[in-house]
Structures are given as structure tokens and as C-alpha cells.
Protein backbone atom coordinates (compact mmCIF):
# COMPACT_ATOMS: atom_id res chain seq x y z
CA UNK A 1 84.99 -67.69 -24.81
CA UNK A 2 84.97 -68.18 -21.13
CA UNK A 3 83.77 -71.19 -19.06
CA UNK A 4 83.27 -71.25 -15.32
CA UNK A 5 83.02 -74.67 -13.99
CA UNK A 6 80.35 -75.22 -11.19
CA UNK A 7 80.20 -78.48 -9.32
CA UNK A 8 77.07 -80.59 -9.97
CA UNK A 9 75.91 -78.33 -12.71
CA UNK A 10 76.01 -78.72 -16.43
CA UNK A 11 79.17 -77.03 -18.14
CA UNK A 12 78.08 -73.87 -19.91
CA UNK A 13 80.34 -72.59 -22.79
CA UNK A 14 79.82 -69.11 -24.48
CA UNK A 15 81.27 -68.29 -27.80
CA UNK A 16 81.07 -64.96 -29.47
CA UNK A 17 80.93 -64.64 -33.28
CA UNK A 18 81.18 -61.04 -34.71
CA UNK A 19 83.06 -58.53 -36.83
CA UNK A 20 84.40 -56.17 -34.21
CA UNK A 21 85.62 -53.61 -36.85
CA UNK A 22 83.52 -50.54 -37.30
CA UNK A 23 83.86 -47.65 -39.78
CA UNK A 24 84.63 -44.22 -38.48
CA UNK A 25 81.60 -42.90 -36.55
CA UNK A 26 79.64 -46.33 -36.82
CA UNK A 27 77.60 -47.21 -33.74
CA UNK A 28 75.92 -50.60 -34.17
CA UNK A 29 77.55 -53.70 -32.95
CA UNK A 30 76.12 -57.21 -33.88
CA UNK A 31 77.21 -60.47 -32.39
CA UNK A 32 75.90 -64.10 -32.32
CA UNK A 33 76.27 -65.68 -28.80
CA UNK A 34 76.53 -69.51 -29.06
CA UNK A 35 75.60 -71.10 -25.63
CA UNK A 36 76.35 -74.81 -25.27
CA UNK A 37 75.39 -76.85 -22.12
CA UNK A 38 77.10 -80.23 -21.68
CA UNK A 39 76.94 -82.79 -18.82
CA UNK A 40 73.21 -82.25 -18.31
CA UNK A 41 70.44 -84.39 -19.60
CA UNK A 42 70.55 -87.76 -18.04
CA UNK A 43 74.34 -87.87 -18.28
CA UNK A 44 75.01 -85.78 -15.12
CA UNK A 45 74.54 -82.37 -13.63
CA UNK A 46 72.31 -81.17 -10.96
CA UNK A 47 69.15 -79.02 -11.01
CA UNK A 48 69.10 -75.77 -9.18
CA UNK A 49 68.72 -76.27 -5.49
CA UNK A 50 68.99 -79.98 -5.43
CA UNK A 51 71.43 -81.48 -2.98
CA UNK A 52 71.78 -85.17 -3.98
CA UNK A 53 72.11 -86.71 -7.40
CA UNK A 54 69.90 -89.69 -8.11
CA UNK A 55 70.27 -92.64 -10.62
CA UNK A 56 69.58 -90.48 -13.64
CA UNK A 57 72.20 -87.98 -12.78
CA UNK A 58 69.82 -85.75 -10.76
CA UNK A 59 67.26 -86.02 -8.01
CA UNK A 60 64.09 -86.78 -9.98
CA UNK A 61 61.90 -85.09 -7.44
CA UNK A 62 63.46 -81.76 -8.46
CA UNK A 63 61.26 -81.92 -11.60
CA UNK A 64 57.52 -81.73 -12.18
CA UNK A 65 55.33 -81.98 -15.28
CA UNK A 66 51.70 -81.29 -15.81
CA UNK A 67 49.91 -82.47 -19.00
CA UNK A 68 46.79 -80.49 -20.05
CA UNK A 69 44.53 -82.35 -22.45
CA UNK A 70 41.82 -80.67 -24.43
CA UNK A 71 38.52 -82.51 -23.59
CA UNK A 72 36.20 -80.10 -25.30
CA UNK A 73 33.26 -81.40 -27.30
CA UNK A 74 34.97 -80.95 -30.63
CA UNK A 75 37.59 -83.56 -29.62
CA UNK A 76 34.93 -86.15 -30.55
CA UNK A 77 34.82 -85.03 -34.10
CA UNK A 78 36.20 -87.25 -35.28
CA UNK A 79 36.47 -89.67 -32.35
CA UNK A 80 39.98 -90.48 -33.28
CA UNK A 81 41.07 -87.12 -31.81
CA UNK A 82 40.03 -88.05 -28.23
CA UNK A 83 41.47 -91.53 -28.64
CA UNK A 84 44.64 -90.23 -29.96
CA UNK A 85 44.90 -87.75 -27.11
CA UNK A 86 44.34 -90.45 -24.48
CA UNK A 87 47.07 -92.65 -26.20
CA UNK A 88 49.54 -89.72 -26.42
CA UNK A 89 49.10 -88.83 -22.84
CA UNK A 90 49.64 -92.49 -21.76
CA UNK A 91 52.78 -92.52 -23.87
CA UNK A 92 53.97 -89.37 -22.11
CA UNK A 93 53.29 -90.83 -18.71
CA UNK A 94 55.19 -93.92 -19.56
CA UNK A 95 58.13 -91.59 -20.25
CA UNK A 96 57.99 -89.83 -16.95
CA UNK A 97 60.94 -91.24 -14.90
CA UNK A 98 60.43 -92.60 -11.32
CA UNK A 99 60.40 -89.81 -8.72
CA UNK A 100 59.21 -86.97 -10.96
CA UNK A 101 56.10 -85.12 -9.76
CA UNK A 102 53.34 -85.11 -12.41
CA UNK A 103 49.66 -84.55 -12.89
CA UNK A 104 46.98 -84.69 -15.70
CA UNK A 105 44.55 -81.86 -16.37
CA UNK A 106 41.34 -82.23 -18.40
CA UNK A 107 40.74 -78.86 -20.07
CA UNK A 108 37.39 -77.62 -21.34
CA UNK A 109 35.74 -74.27 -20.50
CA UNK A 110 37.17 -74.94 -17.08
CA UNK A 111 40.13 -77.10 -15.73
CA UNK A 112 39.86 -80.36 -13.83
CA UNK A 113 42.83 -82.28 -12.42
CA UNK A 114 41.93 -85.81 -13.28
CA UNK A 115 45.02 -87.28 -11.74
CA UNK A 116 45.92 -87.57 -8.99
CA UNK A 117 42.68 -85.61 -8.59
CA UNK A 118 43.31 -84.20 -5.09
CA UNK A 119 44.79 -80.85 -5.94
CA UNK A 120 48.39 -82.04 -5.68
CA UNK A 121 51.07 -83.74 -7.80
CA UNK A 122 51.63 -87.48 -7.80
CA UNK A 123 55.07 -88.90 -7.68
CA UNK A 124 55.88 -91.16 -10.70
CA UNK A 125 56.27 -94.93 -10.01
CA UNK A 126 54.98 -97.95 -11.73
CA UNK A 127 51.89 -97.77 -9.53
CA UNK A 128 51.00 -94.14 -10.13
CA UNK A 129 51.71 -94.38 -13.80
CA UNK A 130 49.34 -97.30 -14.10
CA UNK A 131 46.63 -95.43 -12.07
CA UNK A 132 47.08 -92.27 -14.10
CA UNK A 133 46.49 -94.26 -17.38
CA UNK A 134 43.40 -95.85 -15.81
CA UNK A 135 42.09 -92.37 -15.16
CA UNK A 136 42.77 -91.34 -18.83
CA UNK A 137 40.42 -94.10 -20.05
CA UNK A 138 37.50 -92.23 -18.28
CA UNK A 139 38.19 -89.02 -20.21
CA UNK A 140 35.33 -87.90 -22.46
CA UNK A 141 34.67 -85.01 -24.78
CA UNK A 142 32.26 -82.35 -23.68
CA UNK A 143 32.24 -78.61 -22.92
CA UNK A 144 34.06 -75.57 -24.39
CA UNK A 145 37.64 -74.29 -24.57
CA UNK A 146 39.21 -71.80 -22.10
CA UNK A 147 42.92 -72.42 -22.11
CA UNK A 148 43.72 -69.77 -19.57
CA UNK A 149 41.91 -71.85 -16.95
CA UNK A 150 44.13 -74.78 -17.97
CA UNK A 151 47.25 -72.87 -17.46
CA UNK A 152 46.13 -71.45 -14.09
CA UNK A 153 45.27 -74.95 -12.85
CA UNK A 154 48.67 -76.28 -14.03
CA UNK A 155 50.32 -73.36 -12.08
CA UNK A 156 48.26 -74.20 -9.03
CA UNK A 157 49.36 -77.75 -9.08
CA UNK A 158 52.99 -77.12 -9.69
CA UNK A 159 53.01 -74.53 -6.80
CA UNK A 160 52.01 -77.26 -4.42
CA UNK A 161 55.64 -78.31 -4.49
CA UNK A 162 57.71 -75.08 -4.05
CA UNK A 163 60.80 -77.21 -3.46
CA UNK A 164 60.84 -78.27 -7.16
CA UNK A 165 63.13 -76.34 -9.43
CA UNK A 166 62.24 -77.54 -12.97
CA UNK A 167 58.59 -77.32 -13.90
CA UNK A 168 57.22 -78.17 -17.28
CA UNK A 169 53.87 -78.50 -18.93
CA UNK A 170 52.42 -79.93 -22.17
CA UNK A 171 49.31 -78.54 -23.60
CA UNK A 172 47.18 -80.14 -26.33
CA UNK A 173 44.11 -78.50 -28.07
CA UNK A 174 42.11 -78.91 -31.31
CA UNK A 175 40.31 -75.69 -31.24
CA UNK A 176 40.23 -71.94 -30.55
CA UNK A 177 39.99 -70.31 -27.06
CA UNK A 178 36.32 -69.65 -27.72
CA UNK A 179 35.06 -69.51 -24.08
CA UNK A 180 37.45 -66.89 -22.92
CA UNK A 181 38.35 -63.43 -24.08
CA UNK A 182 41.80 -62.63 -25.53
CA UNK A 183 42.35 -60.27 -22.54
CA UNK A 184 41.48 -63.13 -20.09
CA UNK A 185 43.88 -65.50 -21.88
CA UNK A 186 46.66 -62.82 -21.87
CA UNK A 187 46.12 -62.22 -18.09
CA UNK A 188 46.36 -65.96 -17.33
CA UNK A 189 49.62 -66.19 -19.43
CA UNK A 190 51.11 -63.21 -17.61
CA UNK A 191 50.14 -64.77 -14.33
CA UNK A 192 51.95 -68.07 -14.98
CA UNK A 193 54.91 -66.66 -16.92
CA UNK A 194 58.17 -67.60 -15.28
CA UNK A 195 56.64 -70.39 -13.23
CA UNK A 196 56.95 -73.25 -15.71
CA UNK A 197 57.85 -73.84 -19.39
CA UNK A 198 55.17 -75.27 -21.77
CA UNK A 199 55.31 -77.11 -25.11
CA UNK A 200 52.01 -76.65 -27.00
CA UNK A 201 50.52 -78.85 -29.73
CA UNK A 202 47.62 -78.33 -31.94
CA UNK A 203 45.89 -81.35 -33.37
CA UNK A 204 43.96 -81.12 -36.75
CA UNK A 205 43.45 -77.71 -38.29
CA UNK A 206 40.76 -75.98 -36.36
CA UNK A 207 43.07 -74.21 -33.88
CA UNK A 208 44.87 -70.92 -34.19
CA UNK A 209 48.64 -70.78 -34.53
CA UNK A 210 48.80 -67.25 -33.02
CA UNK A 211 47.05 -68.40 -29.79
CA UNK A 212 49.41 -71.37 -29.07
CA UNK A 213 52.42 -69.39 -30.12
CA UNK A 214 51.56 -66.62 -27.67
CA UNK A 215 51.43 -69.28 -24.92
CA UNK A 216 54.61 -71.18 -25.95
CA UNK A 217 56.59 -67.91 -26.46
CA UNK A 218 55.75 -66.57 -23.08
CA UNK A 219 56.49 -69.86 -21.35
CA UNK A 220 59.71 -70.48 -23.31
CA UNK A 221 58.52 -73.66 -24.93
CA UNK A 222 57.62 -74.98 -28.36
CA UNK A 223 54.64 -75.05 -30.65
CA UNK A 224 53.83 -77.40 -33.39
CA UNK A 225 51.07 -78.96 -35.46
CA UNK A 226 50.08 -82.61 -35.32
CA UNK A 227 47.75 -82.85 -38.37
CA UNK A 228 46.70 -86.45 -37.82
CA UNK A 229 45.80 -87.84 -34.32
CA UNK A 230 47.84 -90.91 -35.11
CA UNK A 231 51.04 -88.89 -34.71
CA UNK A 232 50.31 -87.63 -31.29
CA UNK A 233 51.84 -90.54 -29.29
CA UNK A 234 55.22 -90.19 -30.86
CA UNK A 235 55.18 -86.49 -30.49
CA UNK A 236 54.15 -86.61 -26.85
CA UNK A 237 56.77 -89.23 -26.13
CA UNK A 238 59.53 -87.07 -27.70
CA UNK A 239 58.36 -84.00 -25.77
CA UNK A 240 58.42 -85.69 -22.51
CA UNK A 241 61.86 -87.24 -23.19
CA UNK A 242 63.04 -83.69 -23.88
CA UNK A 243 61.55 -82.46 -20.61
CA UNK A 244 63.10 -85.30 -18.63
CA UNK A 245 66.49 -84.23 -19.92
CA UNK A 246 66.33 -80.76 -18.44
CA UNK A 247 68.82 -80.28 -15.53
CA UNK A 248 68.96 -76.66 -14.67
CA UNK A 249 66.15 -74.15 -14.46
CA UNK A 250 65.73 -70.38 -14.72
CA UNK A 251 69.09 -69.68 -16.59
CA UNK A 252 69.25 -66.04 -17.73
CA UNK A 253 71.31 -64.33 -20.38
CA UNK A 254 72.82 -61.25 -18.69
CA UNK A 255 74.04 -58.42 -20.78
CA UNK A 256 76.14 -55.66 -19.30
CA UNK A 257 76.90 -52.65 -21.39
CA UNK A 258 79.14 -49.54 -20.66
CA UNK A 259 78.00 -46.06 -20.04
CA UNK A 260 75.91 -44.49 -23.00
CA UNK A 261 75.59 -47.98 -24.68
CA UNK A 262 72.10 -49.33 -25.33
CA UNK A 263 70.97 -53.01 -26.02
CA UNK A 264 68.81 -52.68 -29.15
CA UNK A 265 67.59 -56.25 -29.20
CA UNK A 266 68.20 -59.75 -28.03
CA UNK A 267 66.81 -62.64 -29.98
CA UNK A 268 67.17 -66.35 -29.69
CA UNK A 269 67.86 -67.42 -33.30
CA UNK A 270 68.49 -71.14 -33.08
CA UNK A 271 66.85 -73.67 -32.72
CA UNK A 272 64.03 -71.23 -33.48
CA UNK A 273 63.47 -67.57 -33.62
CA UNK A 274 62.21 -65.96 -30.39
CA UNK A 275 62.50 -62.28 -29.54
CA UNK A 276 63.43 -61.76 -25.96
CA UNK A 277 64.06 -57.89 -26.06
CA UNK A 278 60.86 -57.00 -24.17
CA UNK A 279 61.50 -59.50 -21.49
CA UNK A 280 64.44 -57.85 -19.99
CA UNK A 281 64.61 -57.36 -16.18
CA UNK A 282 67.09 -55.10 -14.63
CA UNK A 283 70.05 -56.70 -12.96
CA UNK A 284 72.10 -53.88 -11.52
CA UNK A 285 73.81 -50.92 -13.05
CA UNK A 286 73.72 -51.10 -16.86
CA UNK A 287 73.02 -54.87 -16.83
CA UNK A 288 69.78 -56.72 -17.76
CA UNK A 289 68.64 -60.36 -17.63
CA UNK A 290 66.82 -62.13 -20.58
CA UNK A 291 65.14 -65.45 -19.68
CA UNK A 292 66.36 -68.62 -21.46
CA UNK A 293 64.31 -71.29 -19.39
CA UNK A 294 65.63 -74.73 -18.61
CA UNK A 295 68.63 -76.54 -19.98
CA UNK A 296 69.74 -80.05 -20.62
CA UNK A 297 72.45 -81.14 -23.13
CA UNK A 298 71.86 -78.60 -25.94
CA UNK A 299 73.19 -75.57 -27.83
CA UNK A 300 71.34 -72.48 -28.68
CA UNK A 301 72.32 -69.21 -30.54
CA UNK A 302 71.36 -65.70 -29.72
CA UNK A 303 71.60 -62.45 -31.73
CA UNK A 304 72.59 -59.42 -29.60
CA UNK A 305 72.66 -55.93 -31.13
CA UNK A 306 74.18 -53.07 -29.18
CA UNK A 307 74.37 -49.32 -30.01
CA UNK A 308 77.51 -47.74 -28.62
CA UNK A 309 78.80 -44.16 -28.64
CA UNK A 310 80.43 -43.13 -31.89
CA UNK A 311 84.24 -43.05 -31.83
CA UNK A 312 87.05 -42.09 -34.04
CA UNK A 313 89.51 -44.43 -35.96
CA UNK A 314 91.90 -46.14 -33.53
CA UNK A 315 89.53 -46.32 -30.55
CA UNK A 316 88.34 -49.67 -29.17
CA UNK A 317 85.88 -50.53 -26.45
CA UNK A 318 84.20 -53.35 -24.65
CA UNK A 319 80.59 -53.22 -26.18
CA UNK A 320 78.99 -55.75 -23.96
CA UNK A 321 79.70 -58.55 -21.55
CA UNK A 322 77.44 -61.47 -22.02
CA UNK A 323 77.11 -64.01 -19.07
CA UNK A 324 74.95 -67.06 -18.40
CA UNK A 325 73.72 -66.75 -14.79
CA UNK A 326 71.54 -68.37 -12.29
CA UNK A 327 69.60 -65.53 -10.65
CA UNK A 328 69.68 -65.49 -6.84
CA UNK A 329 66.74 -67.18 -5.14
CA UNK A 330 67.00 -65.85 -1.52
CA UNK A 331 69.01 -62.70 -1.71
CA UNK A 332 72.29 -64.25 -2.60
CA UNK A 333 74.32 -63.05 -5.60
CA UNK A 334 73.79 -64.50 -9.01
CA UNK A 335 75.84 -67.55 -9.95
CA UNK A 336 77.82 -66.83 -13.20
CA UNK A 337 77.95 -70.04 -15.30
CA UNK A 338 79.87 -68.65 -18.29
CA UNK A 339 80.60 -65.40 -20.06
CA UNK A 340 81.90 -63.82 -23.27
CA UNK A 341 82.84 -60.40 -24.51
CA UNK A 342 81.59 -58.37 -27.45
CA UNK A 343 84.08 -55.83 -28.72
CA UNK A 344 84.17 -52.67 -30.95
CA UNK A 345 87.16 -51.36 -32.78
CA UNK A 346 86.97 -48.44 -35.14
CA UNK A 347 89.14 -48.55 -38.32
CA UNK A 348 89.51 -46.77 -41.60
CA UNK A 349 90.30 -50.09 -43.36
CA UNK A 350 87.18 -50.45 -45.55
CA UNK A 351 87.61 -54.20 -46.17
CA UNK A 352 87.60 -54.86 -42.34
CA UNK A 353 84.73 -52.59 -41.51
CA UNK A 354 82.46 -53.80 -44.31
CA UNK A 355 82.93 -57.52 -43.69
CA UNK A 356 79.73 -59.13 -42.27
CA UNK A 357 80.21 -61.98 -39.79
CA UNK A 358 78.91 -65.19 -41.43
CA UNK A 359 76.94 -66.07 -38.31
CA UNK A 360 75.36 -62.70 -38.06
CA UNK A 361 74.51 -62.76 -41.78
CA UNK A 362 73.03 -66.31 -41.53
CA UNK A 363 70.70 -65.60 -38.66
CA UNK A 364 69.65 -62.30 -39.98
CA UNK A 365 68.45 -64.18 -43.03
CA UNK A 366 66.72 -66.80 -40.73
CA UNK A 367 64.80 -64.15 -38.95
CA UNK A 368 63.86 -62.61 -42.18
CA UNK A 369 62.77 -66.01 -43.46
CA UNK A 370 60.34 -66.48 -40.53
CA UNK A 371 58.75 -63.02 -40.95
CA UNK A 372 58.41 -63.46 -44.70
CA UNK A 373 56.42 -66.64 -44.29
CA UNK A 374 54.19 -65.27 -41.67
CA UNK A 375 53.54 -62.08 -43.66
CA UNK A 376 53.05 -64.00 -46.84
CA UNK A 377 50.38 -66.32 -45.32
CA UNK A 378 48.65 -63.44 -43.63
CA UNK A 379 48.47 -61.48 -46.91
CA UNK A 380 47.13 -64.55 -48.69
CA UNK A 381 44.34 -64.93 -46.12
CA UNK A 382 43.55 -61.29 -46.64
CA UNK A 383 43.31 -61.92 -50.44
CA UNK A 384 46.42 -59.94 -51.42
CA UNK A 385 47.94 -62.55 -53.69
CA UNK A 386 50.56 -60.26 -55.18
CA UNK A 387 52.10 -59.38 -51.69
CA UNK A 388 51.76 -63.10 -50.60
CA UNK A 389 53.52 -64.29 -53.66
CA UNK A 390 56.30 -61.79 -53.17
CA UNK A 391 56.80 -62.64 -49.54
CA UNK A 392 56.74 -66.41 -49.99
CA UNK A 393 59.01 -65.93 -53.10
CA UNK A 394 61.53 -64.22 -50.72
CA UNK A 395 61.12 -67.01 -48.20
CA UNK A 396 61.95 -69.63 -50.93
CA UNK A 397 65.07 -67.68 -51.87
CA UNK A 398 66.33 -67.27 -48.36
CA UNK A 399 65.53 -70.94 -47.39
CA UNK A 400 67.44 -72.21 -50.58
CA UNK A 401 70.38 -69.81 -49.91
CA UNK A 402 70.90 -70.83 -46.33
CA UNK A 403 70.33 -74.51 -46.67
CA UNK A 404 67.06 -74.67 -44.61
CA UNK A 405 65.81 -77.76 -46.44
CA UNK A 406 63.02 -78.48 -43.96
CA UNK A 407 61.38 -75.15 -44.53
CA UNK A 408 62.07 -75.22 -48.26
CA UNK A 409 60.11 -78.44 -48.42
CA UNK A 410 57.15 -76.99 -46.51
CA UNK A 411 57.16 -74.04 -48.82
CA UNK A 412 56.95 -76.36 -51.72
CA UNK A 413 53.59 -77.71 -50.51
CA UNK A 414 52.12 -74.17 -50.73
CA UNK A 415 53.83 -72.72 -53.87
CA UNK A 416 55.28 -74.05 -57.08
CA UNK A 417 58.91 -72.99 -57.14
CA UNK A 418 59.90 -71.85 -60.57
CA UNK A 419 63.46 -70.49 -59.72
CA UNK A 420 64.60 -70.97 -56.08
CA UNK A 421 67.70 -68.80 -56.52
CA UNK A 422 65.65 -65.79 -57.65
CA UNK A 423 62.56 -66.66 -55.49
CA UNK A 424 60.21 -66.96 -58.32
CA UNK A 425 57.05 -68.82 -57.29
CA UNK A 426 53.38 -69.39 -58.07
CA UNK A 427 50.65 -70.25 -55.48
CA UNK A 428 49.50 -73.81 -55.86
CA UNK A 429 45.94 -74.55 -56.34
CA UNK A 430 43.91 -76.22 -53.59
CA UNK A 431 46.54 -75.93 -50.96
CA UNK A 432 45.41 -77.92 -47.89
CA UNK A 433 44.87 -76.16 -44.62
CA UNK A 434 47.20 -78.63 -42.92
CA UNK A 435 50.07 -77.76 -45.22
CA UNK A 436 49.42 -74.04 -44.73
CA UNK A 437 49.24 -74.26 -40.97
CA UNK A 438 52.29 -76.54 -40.82
CA UNK A 439 54.28 -73.97 -42.78
CA UNK A 440 53.12 -71.09 -40.47
CA UNK A 441 53.74 -73.07 -37.24
CA UNK A 442 57.17 -74.14 -38.16
CA UNK A 443 58.24 -70.93 -39.79
CA UNK A 444 60.31 -69.95 -36.79
CA UNK A 445 62.52 -73.10 -36.93
CA UNK A 446 66.02 -72.35 -38.04
CA UNK A 447 69.16 -74.19 -39.19
CA UNK A 448 72.56 -73.66 -37.63
CA UNK A 449 75.45 -71.97 -39.40
CA UNK A 450 77.37 -74.49 -41.41
CA UNK A 451 80.80 -74.95 -39.87
């Protein structure tokens, strides 16, 4: 573990968990990288590029948030959805701290900034929060759904303040992206990726999990279901509180490997599973950066797999150097926040080379748990009950074995568990769409390794 203290930034610590011993000729090295940031949130620290700390531990004007509210016609059926959306957005606005730049976008088949309404961002204060909530009262439901236009509008608004380092968005919808092709949505997502993070919420059960997950994954945010409109206000308040706690933006996981070594994959595995492998950007000779987004006071785990050249017993090498960096903004060198080393040692001791790191084993299981749930539900929708039962049975077994009680409880709403240890299950009759979607949406949530 190594920590490099930087003034006015949260402290980042990197810990490496692995079995460094490999059998003669073995090539694959696996490690869990735990990254912990402390001194951020509202307890201190400074966002990237901000000179002076304010009363919350950081200059509030270094942060911006845009709330995108679905105002399509379906939000009026039932009317409680539109009412719940207005109340939830008002609760989120109340949570925006003074000095933060913010805006509200009404999303239909087009996007309209309803507050401040002049194509810019407002600065949070008692007066602007009051006027924003007044604007919410005038929101009505009419029109279609084209989420790509919402994302583009949020990007345009946030770009009016290029001095702001931390940009966040919240997106609420109740339906499918019906008035825009999949290609158009993908193009919009690609256009805004890297510009802001986004938390997505689906209310009710008429929206598509894969659409919102595609947005939240690309924008390094979260996705969840709020089955009942009454739960929106608490959820929005919680999301905004989390957004207000971010203190440093655009942190990257930089992985350097020696000659002839290859990074096979990089995955975030806690607090949720997110494959970052395809998002690598080159960062110099034999080094690549993987985006992690914005940080406050929090800890995350990453699974790194590296293929190294085969070596004989007695050899050892540095398989990878893992660093947390702030990429340069204006041609300067990247700022290293912390780093750790992944090693490889070849041995003929069978006990050493066959031992699996508890952390690697645990998170390999959590990734398998997520894929088993998603594949099982997909098979069930396709009418393949045998495959669906087998996959969800495997999910029950893994959730039980790894202590993922939250996912285990969600599985019990979809299948009757006969034997959790063996993964013997039967599909329940008349499973509600809300329970099925909740299981799918939260399938990627993981639990940490028990210390």
C-alpha cells in the first residue's frame, strides 16, 4: 500500500490483495485493488482546480447538478407519478447546498430547461431554490420520450460553466426511449460521456432496465427502481446528498505493466459490478487509464487481471503498478494520489500456488452472481424455464455462500428456495413485474469481503 498526501485533496489509500505465487509456467495474475478516499465529503478536501475552501470544506461553486424529469404523457397514468416526480425534485433541490450551480430539465420527446430557463445554470440560494420549486409546480405531463435529448441538454447546460470541476446529473423516467432510435441514444451517450456523472431512476415498471443501465454505466453513476412514486422523494434526497459529498472529479485508475504483459480486464466489483476494460485510454508507454468518476468519503474495490510472460520457478517480477491519478488538464503531468504494486513469484510449492486470495474468490463470485441473475431473468422472459431455474439457482447458492443477504431476499421474491446451499429453487407463481425488475436492476450490487 502507498499513499501520497496532496494538500487540499482527499487522502487516497490503495491496498492490494492477491496470491502472488504462481505455478511453474503460469501466466495469469489476479488482484483486488481497494481504494479508499478519506477527508472528502463535507469533512474537507478540495475539488480539482478550486483555489479556496468554503464553509462545507470546498468551494460550492466547483459543483453543478442538473435534474432531468420525465414529463412525457405516461407520467400522468397514474397522476401520482407526476406528483411524486415534482415532490422528489423539490426534495433534491432543498438538498443542494448554497453556491452549487443547478438546473431542472423537463424531458419529453425533446428537452426544455424549466429552471432557470435561460440556457444557463442557477446558483443555489434560498431565493433560487424557492423559484425552482415554483417552476416545478407548473410541470405537466404531455409528449413522448427521447432520453438522448435530455442528456444533450444537461450537457449543454453544464458546459456553460467550464470552470466547474464536478458535474452531476439525475435522470428520472417511467418509460421506454420510444421517440428515439437505439443508435440515436447511443450517440447521445457517447457525446456526453466523460462530461458528467449520472444517477438514473425508473419509476413504476414500464421502463427498460437495459436502457437506464446503459446510461448510468457510461456516465459512471447508479441505476435503481422506485416501484412506487411515494418513494421518490427519499430516494432523490439521498442521491443529492451523495452528489453534494463529491470532492474530487475525473480520478483515473492507471495501470502500468512491464514489457510483454497484458491487462486482461479491469472491473469495479464493489459497491457494484462495472466492467471498465473497454474504457481504457492510453497514458504513456505500457500504461492505461480507466475512469472512476468523482469521489467523496468512500471505498471501492477493483478486480485487475494481468497476463504476464511465463517464467520458471524462482523468478519474480512486478506484474503491474496500480496508481490513482488526476489526469492533466492543460498539458501538465498527471498528479499521482496513491499507488500499489501487483507481484508475481513462481514457485514449485503446490500449496502456495493453488491458494486463492479470499478477496479474489469473493468478488469472482459476486460477478458470477450478477451474470447468473441477468441470464436467468432473460431466459425466463424467453420461455426457457429450465435454464432460468438453473441460473437463478446458481445465484441463490452464491448469494447464500457469500452473505449477500440483500440479493438473497430479492431472489426469494422470484423463486421459492428449497435448498440455499445447493441452489435448489422453483419459480414462484404470479411473480410481480416490480419484484422481477427490482432483482434485475439491483443484480450488480455487491457486498464487501468480510474482514
